[in-house]
Amino acid sequence: MTGTKGQVEGFVSNALSALLLGVRWAATTKNLILLLVAAIVVDWAITGIRVVREDEQAVVLRFGAVTRVAPAGILFTLPWPLERSITVKTSEVRTMPVGYKLVDSVRGIPPNPKEVEWVTGDTNIINLKLTLKYSVYDPVKYLFSVGPIDTDFLLRRCAEENVTKLIATMPVDEVLTSGKFRIQEETRQRTQAMLDYLDTGIRLITVNLGGVEPPSNVIEAFNDVSTAKTEKAKMLNQADGYQKDLIPRARAMANRMIQEAESYHAATVEGARGKAAQFTKLLEQARLARGITQTRLYLEAMERILPRTRKIIVEDKEGEKIRLLE
């Protein structure tokens, strides 16, 4: 009996121990589940809810693959590591310098000659600076086609390539004067075409030409050439003005001389015709009375001649002295 009683007591003790272990195990599992649920909720609250600002768009990735692009507002995603989001400022206008660095420009440090010097079509060297204004219109292409850092670098290199090709076809005079707008517009168009071809997701807004000038060691020679060209243009303008003033006056004088010649011609012809008619009429009279006509012609000739000459009349009488009468 004593042995049996001991066995019973041992069995009861073992059963109680197993029961206590089962209760403890159940309590620990419940806590673990609650802890896991709490961790998931906290993770979702931290990584699954975010605010996208007005000037941003969010690219949502699920296991590294792009699922959607979210606009501005409150964004809900699955907790990390299931989903994550990357925001990109798509309304921001960014600046990229070409030929200089913004930090050096602010500090007053001159640019590196290798960055700022360009060769024109007539093999002259000029210093040229550009400022590119751009924005991101496709955040997915911007993030994953090339990459944000490489995309900004690529933009600068594309602009440098197009400026180099364009200036190599232009003479230095055009670059320094009338060609500035052409450089800005064609550089923008060509660079945008390259960016679209490479799927960078960048829109080039403007290309501003900051400064175009000859290098400092030859600027005096450029100024002399510029002064000479200005004087040349001035002289050409003066010559053109003189030409425009002289030619009309010469034409007016020629027209006046032509009119006078035509008037003289008409008067001479009419006079000749009148004299011919008069001679014809006189000839008819001469045929009718030749002696009377000759006497008349003589008297008319004397009437024309004598009033214009000095006359000396000699009175000749026999036995008297000669007297001169005027």
Protein backbone atom coordinates (compact mmCIF):
# COMPACT_ATOMS: atom_id res chain seq x y z
CA MET A 1 0.00 0.00 0.00
CA THR A 2 2.79 2.29 0.90
CA GLY A 3 4.43 1.67 -2.49
CA THR A 4 1.23 2.14 -4.32
CA LYS A 5 0.57 5.36 -2.47
CA GLY A 6 4.01 6.63 -3.40
CA GLN A 7 3.46 5.79 -7.04
CA VAL A 8 0.18 7.69 -7.03
CA GLU A 9 1.72 10.67 -5.38
CA GLY A 10 4.56 10.63 -7.94
CA PHE A 11 2.14 10.41 -10.82
CA VAL A 12 0.10 13.32 -9.48
CA SER A 13 3.23 15.38 -8.95
CA ASN A 14 4.38 14.71 -12.50
CA ALA A 15 0.94 15.57 -13.86
CA LEU A 16 0.89 18.87 -11.96
CA SER A 17 4.34 19.72 -13.24
CA ALA A 18 3.30 18.96 -16.81
CA LEU A 19 0.17 21.05 -16.35
CA LEU A 20 2.19 24.00 -15.03
CA LEU A 21 4.63 23.71 -17.92
CA GLY A 22 1.73 23.67 -20.38
CA VAL A 23 0.23 26.80 -18.83
CA ARG A 24 3.59 28.57 -18.93
CA TRP A 25 4.15 27.51 -22.55
CA ALA A 26 0.69 28.78 -23.57
CA ALA A 27 1.29 32.10 -21.84
CA THR A 28 4.72 32.53 -23.53
CA THR A 29 3.34 31.75 -27.05
CA LYS A 30 0.50 34.24 -26.60
CA ASN A 31 2.96 36.93 -25.58
CA LEU A 32 5.15 36.15 -28.55
CA ILE A 33 2.18 36.43 -30.90
CA LEU A 34 1.11 39.69 -29.31
CA LEU A 35 4.68 40.98 -29.49
CA LEU A 36 4.94 39.97 -33.14
CA VAL A 37 1.65 41.67 -33.96
CA ALA A 38 2.77 44.80 -32.12
CA ALA A 39 6.08 44.81 -34.02
CA ILE A 40 4.25 44.48 -37.33
CA VAL A 41 1.94 47.37 -36.44
CA VAL A 42 4.83 49.58 -35.37
CA ASP A 43 6.81 48.67 -38.51
CA TRP A 44 3.81 49.47 -40.72
CA ALA A 45 3.24 52.76 -38.89
CA ILE A 46 6.88 53.74 -39.32
CA THR A 47 7.61 52.45 -42.84
CA GLY A 48 4.16 52.06 -44.39
CA ILE A 49 2.73 55.52 -43.85
CA ARG A 50 4.38 58.68 -45.11
CA VAL A 51 3.46 62.10 -46.43
CA VAL A 52 4.42 63.04 -50.00
CA ARG A 53 4.88 66.81 -50.35
CA GLU A 54 3.39 69.00 -53.04
CA ASP A 55 6.63 69.23 -55.04
CA GLU A 56 7.33 65.48 -54.80
CA GLN A 57 6.29 62.16 -56.27
CA ALA A 58 6.88 58.81 -54.59
CA VAL A 59 8.07 55.67 -56.38
CA VAL A 60 6.79 52.55 -54.58
CA LEU A 61 8.93 49.39 -54.76
CA ARG A 62 7.76 45.88 -53.84
CA PHE A 63 10.68 43.51 -53.37
CA GLY A 64 12.76 45.93 -55.46
CA ALA A 65 10.32 46.15 -58.41
CA VAL A 66 8.45 49.37 -59.21
CA THR A 67 4.73 48.97 -58.60
CA ARG A 68 3.41 52.53 -58.91
CA VAL A 69 4.17 56.24 -58.73
CA ALA A 70 2.19 58.07 -56.04
CA PRO A 71 1.31 61.79 -56.23
CA ALA A 72 1.39 64.28 -53.37
CA GLY A 73 -0.63 63.33 -50.27
CA ILE A 74 -0.64 60.56 -47.65
CA LEU A 75 0.94 57.37 -48.99
CA PHE A 76 0.08 53.92 -47.59
CA THR A 77 2.36 50.99 -48.42
CA LEU A 78 3.09 47.56 -47.08
CA PRO A 79 5.62 47.59 -44.23
CA TRP A 80 9.31 47.17 -44.87
CA PRO A 81 10.82 44.91 -46.20
CA LEU A 82 7.78 44.09 -48.32
CA GLU A 83 7.52 47.58 -49.84
CA ARG A 84 9.44 50.79 -49.65
CA SER A 85 9.10 54.22 -51.30
CA ILE A 86 11.54 56.77 -52.71
CA THR A 87 10.48 60.40 -53.09
CA VAL A 88 11.76 62.61 -55.91
CA LYS A 89 11.27 66.38 -56.18
CA THR A 90 9.60 66.73 -59.59
CA SER A 91 8.57 70.39 -59.33
CA GLU A 92 11.98 71.66 -58.27
CA VAL A 93 13.99 73.61 -60.85
CA ARG A 94 17.59 72.51 -60.50
CA THR A 95 20.78 74.20 -61.70
CA MET A 96 23.76 72.64 -63.44
CA PRO A 97 26.77 74.84 -64.34
CA VAL A 98 28.88 74.22 -67.44
CA GLY A 99 32.33 75.79 -67.62
CA TYR A 100 32.50 76.58 -63.89
CA LYS A 101 31.48 75.29 -60.46
CA LEU A 102 28.82 76.97 -58.34
CA VAL A 103 30.85 76.63 -55.15
CA ASP A 104 33.94 78.17 -56.75
CA SER A 105 31.82 80.96 -58.27
CA VAL A 106 30.41 81.85 -54.84
CA ARG A 107 33.86 81.82 -53.28
CA GLY A 108 35.31 83.94 -56.10
CA ILE A 109 37.65 81.19 -57.32
CA PRO A 110 38.30 81.41 -61.09
CA PRO A 111 37.34 78.35 -63.16
CA ASN A 112 39.80 75.87 -64.55
CA PRO A 113 40.90 76.93 -68.08
CA LYS A 114 40.23 73.40 -69.33
CA GLU A 115 36.58 73.76 -68.31
CA VAL A 116 35.90 77.27 -69.59
CA GLU A 117 37.87 77.43 -72.88
CA TRP A 118 36.29 76.46 -76.21
CA VAL A 119 37.60 76.48 -79.79
CA THR A 120 35.60 78.27 -82.49
CA GLY A 121 35.29 77.36 -86.15
CA ASP A 122 38.10 79.77 -87.13
CA THR A 123 40.43 78.23 -84.48
CA ASN A 124 40.08 81.03 -81.94
CA ILE A 125 39.83 80.33 -78.21
CA ILE A 126 37.05 81.90 -76.14
CA ASN A 127 35.86 81.60 -72.56
CA LEU A 128 32.24 80.51 -72.30
CA LYS A 129 29.98 79.67 -69.34
CA LEU A 130 26.54 78.08 -69.39
CA THR A 131 23.90 77.58 -66.71
CA LEU A 132 21.39 74.77 -67.26
CA LYS A 133 17.96 74.85 -65.60
CA TYR A 134 16.20 71.46 -65.52
CA SER A 135 13.60 69.40 -63.67
CA VAL A 136 12.59 65.74 -63.30
CA TYR A 137 9.43 64.78 -65.20
CA ASP A 138 9.70 60.97 -64.86
CA PRO A 139 10.97 59.87 -61.42
CA VAL A 140 11.17 56.18 -62.40
CA LYS A 141 13.53 56.86 -65.34
CA TYR A 142 15.46 59.36 -63.25
CA LEU A 143 16.05 56.82 -60.47
CA PHE A 144 16.64 53.60 -62.38
CA SER A 145 17.63 54.26 -66.03
CA VAL A 146 20.90 55.98 -65.18
CA GLY A 147 20.72 56.94 -61.51
CA PRO A 148 20.35 60.32 -59.79
CA ILE A 149 24.06 61.09 -59.39
CA ASP A 150 25.03 59.78 -62.80
CA THR A 151 22.07 61.52 -64.45
CA ASP A 152 23.17 64.96 -63.24
CA PHE A 153 26.70 64.24 -64.41
CA LEU A 154 25.35 62.96 -67.75
CA LEU A 155 23.37 66.18 -68.26
CA ARG A 156 26.52 68.24 -67.94
CA ARG A 157 28.51 66.04 -70.31
CA CYS A 158 25.75 66.08 -72.94
CA ALA A 159 25.59 69.88 -72.81
CA GLU A 160 29.38 70.17 -73.08
CA GLU A 161 29.43 67.87 -76.10
CA ASN A 162 26.73 69.83 -77.93
CA VAL A 163 28.31 73.21 -77.13
CA THR A 164 31.66 71.96 -78.39
CA LYS A 165 30.19 70.74 -81.68
CA LEU A 166 28.13 73.90 -82.18
CA ILE A 167 30.89 76.43 -81.45
CA ALA A 168 33.28 74.49 -83.71
CA THR A 169 31.04 75.46 -86.65
CA MET A 170 30.80 79.18 -85.80
CA PRO A 171 33.36 81.98 -86.31
CA VAL A 172 34.48 83.88 -83.23
CA ASP A 173 32.72 87.08 -84.34
CA GLU A 174 29.37 85.33 -84.44
CA VAL A 175 29.95 83.70 -81.06
CA LEU A 176 30.78 87.04 -79.45
CA THR A 177 27.89 88.96 -81.05
CA SER A 178 24.82 87.65 -82.86
CA GLY A 179 25.30 83.93 -82.21
CA LYS A 180 24.52 83.91 -78.48
CA PHE A 181 20.81 83.13 -78.88
CA ARG A 182 21.62 80.40 -81.39
CA ILE A 183 24.06 78.78 -78.93
CA GLN A 184 21.46 78.77 -76.14
CA GLU A 185 18.56 77.44 -78.22
CA GLU A 186 20.40 74.80 -80.25
CA THR A 187 22.26 73.54 -77.17
CA ARG A 188 18.94 73.13 -75.36
CA GLN A 189 17.32 71.27 -78.25
CA ARG A 190 20.25 68.95 -78.94
CA THR A 191 20.84 68.17 -75.26
CA GLN A 192 17.16 67.42 -74.66
CA ALA A 193 17.17 65.04 -77.63
CA MET A 194 20.12 63.15 -76.14
CA LEU A 195 18.49 63.01 -72.69
CA ASP A 196 15.28 61.64 -74.18
CA TYR A 197 17.23 59.04 -76.15
CA LEU A 198 18.96 57.88 -72.94
CA ASP A 199 15.65 57.81 -70.95
CA THR A 200 16.97 60.02 -68.17
CA GLY A 201 13.57 61.44 -67.19
CA ILE A 202 14.97 64.99 -67.23
CA ARG A 203 13.38 68.01 -68.92
CA LEU A 204 15.84 70.77 -69.81
CA ILE A 205 14.02 74.07 -69.22
CA THR A 206 16.51 76.74 -70.24
CA VAL A 207 20.13 77.17 -71.23
CA ASN A 208 21.51 80.55 -70.17
CA LEU A 209 24.74 81.88 -71.60
CA GLY A 210 26.51 83.40 -68.61
CA GLY A 211 29.42 85.03 -70.37
CA VAL A 212 31.35 84.89 -73.64
CA GLU A 213 34.70 86.64 -73.78
CA PRO A 214 38.21 86.09 -75.12
CA PRO A 215 40.92 84.76 -72.78
CA SER A 216 42.57 87.36 -70.56
CA ASN A 217 45.99 87.01 -72.23
CA VAL A 218 44.61 88.01 -75.65
CA ILE A 219 41.75 90.30 -74.65
CA GLU A 220 43.64 93.43 -75.71
CA ALA A 221 44.16 92.04 -79.20
CA PHE A 222 40.47 91.12 -79.38
CA ASN A 223 39.55 94.64 -78.30
CA ASP A 224 41.78 96.11 -81.02
CA VAL A 225 40.14 93.88 -83.61
CA SER A 226 36.72 94.80 -82.30
CA THR A 227 37.57 98.51 -82.48
CA ALA A 228 38.85 98.11 -86.02
CA LYS A 229 35.68 96.32 -87.03
CA THR A 230 33.60 99.06 -85.43
CA GLU A 231 35.52 101.70 -87.36
CA LYS A 232 35.12 99.65 -90.52
CA ALA A 233 31.38 99.42 -89.98
CA LYS A 234 31.25 103.17 -89.28
CA MET A 235 33.12 103.97 -92.48
CA LEU A 236 30.92 101.62 -94.46
CA ASN A 237 27.86 103.32 -93.04
CA GLN A 238 29.25 106.73 -93.92
CA ALA A 239 30.10 105.57 -97.44
CA ASP A 240 26.67 104.05 -97.79
CA GLY A 241 25.08 107.31 -96.63
CA TYR A 242 27.22 109.31 -99.04
CA GLN A 243 26.25 106.93 -101.83
CA LYS A 244 22.59 107.19 -100.99
CA ASP A 245 22.86 111.00 -100.96
CA LEU A 246 25.06 111.36 -104.05
CA ILE A 247 23.28 108.99 -106.40
CA PRO A 248 19.85 110.65 -106.10
CA ARG A 249 21.40 114.08 -106.63
CA ALA A 250 23.35 112.81 -109.64
CA ARG A 251 20.21 111.25 -111.04
CA ALA A 252 18.28 114.50 -110.51
CA MET A 253 21.04 116.47 -112.23
CA ALA A 254 21.08 113.98 -115.10
CA ASN A 255 17.32 114.22 -115.45
CA ARG A 256 17.53 118.01 -115.46
CA MET A 257 20.25 117.97 -118.13
CA ILE A 258 18.24 115.54 -120.20
CA GLN A 259 15.18 117.77 -119.93
CA GLU A 260 17.23 120.83 -120.87
CA ALA A 261 18.74 118.96 -123.82
CA GLU A 262 15.30 117.85 -124.93
CA SER A 263 14.02 121.43 -124.62
CA TYR A 264 17.01 122.73 -126.57
CA HIS A 265 16.49 120.02 -129.14
CA ALA A 266 12.84 120.91 -129.52
CA ALA A 267 13.59 124.64 -129.69
CA THR A 268 16.38 124.13 -132.22
CA VAL A 269 14.27 121.90 -134.41
CA GLU A 270 11.36 124.31 -134.28
CA GLY A 271 13.69 127.25 -135.03
CA ALA A 272 15.21 125.40 -137.96
CA ARG A 273 11.82 124.54 -139.27
CA GLY A 274 10.74 128.18 -138.96
CA LYS A 275 13.86 129.39 -140.76
CA ALA A 276 13.38 126.75 -143.43
CA ALA A 277 9.81 127.90 -143.95
CA GLN A 278 10.96 131.52 -144.04
CA PHE A 279 13.70 130.69 -146.53
CA THR A 280 11.23 128.80 -148.70
CA LYS A 281 8.89 131.79 -148.64
CA LEU A 282 11.80 134.15 -149.45
CA LEU A 283 12.87 131.91 -152.28
CA GLU A 284 9.46 132.21 -153.82
CA GLN A 285 9.64 136.02 -153.57
CA ALA A 286 13.16 136.05 -154.98
CA ARG A 287 12.00 134.12 -157.98
CA LEU A 288 9.30 136.71 -158.61
CA ALA A 289 11.47 139.85 -158.04
CA ARG A 290 15.14 139.08 -157.74
CA GLY A 291 16.47 142.67 -157.58
CA ILE A 292 13.99 143.89 -155.03
CA THR A 293 14.64 140.84 -152.91
CA GLN A 294 18.39 141.35 -152.93
CA THR A 295 17.98 145.02 -151.95
CA ARG A 296 15.63 144.02 -149.15
CA LEU A 297 18.01 141.41 -147.86
CA TYR A 298 20.86 143.90 -147.93
CA LEU A 299 18.89 146.53 -146.04
CA GLU A 300 17.73 144.00 -143.44
CA ALA A 301 21.30 142.82 -142.96
CA MET A 302 22.49 146.39 -142.48
CA GLU A 303 19.72 147.00 -139.94
CA ARG A 304 21.03 144.09 -137.91
CA ILE A 305 24.73 144.89 -138.25
CA LEU A 306 24.99 148.68 -138.06
CA PRO A 307 23.39 149.19 -134.60
CA ARG A 308 26.07 146.95 -133.05
CA THR A 309 29.13 148.56 -134.69
CA ARG A 310 31.05 151.84 -134.58
CA LYS A 311 30.31 153.79 -137.71
CA ILE A 312 32.59 156.24 -139.55
CA ILE A 313 30.98 158.28 -142.33
CA VAL A 314 33.26 159.93 -144.87
CA GLU A 315 31.78 162.85 -146.71
CA ASP A 316 33.59 163.13 -149.99
CA LYS A 317 33.08 166.37 -151.95
CA GLU A 318 35.42 167.57 -154.54
CA GLY A 319 37.54 170.53 -153.44
CA GLU A 320 36.67 170.17 -149.76
CA LYS A 321 38.52 168.64 -146.87
CA ILE A 322 37.47 165.24 -145.57
CA ARG A 323 35.42 165.28 -142.34
CA LEU A 324 34.92 162.23 -140.22
CA LEU A 325 31.42 161.85 -138.86
CA GLU A 326 30.26 159.35 -136.36
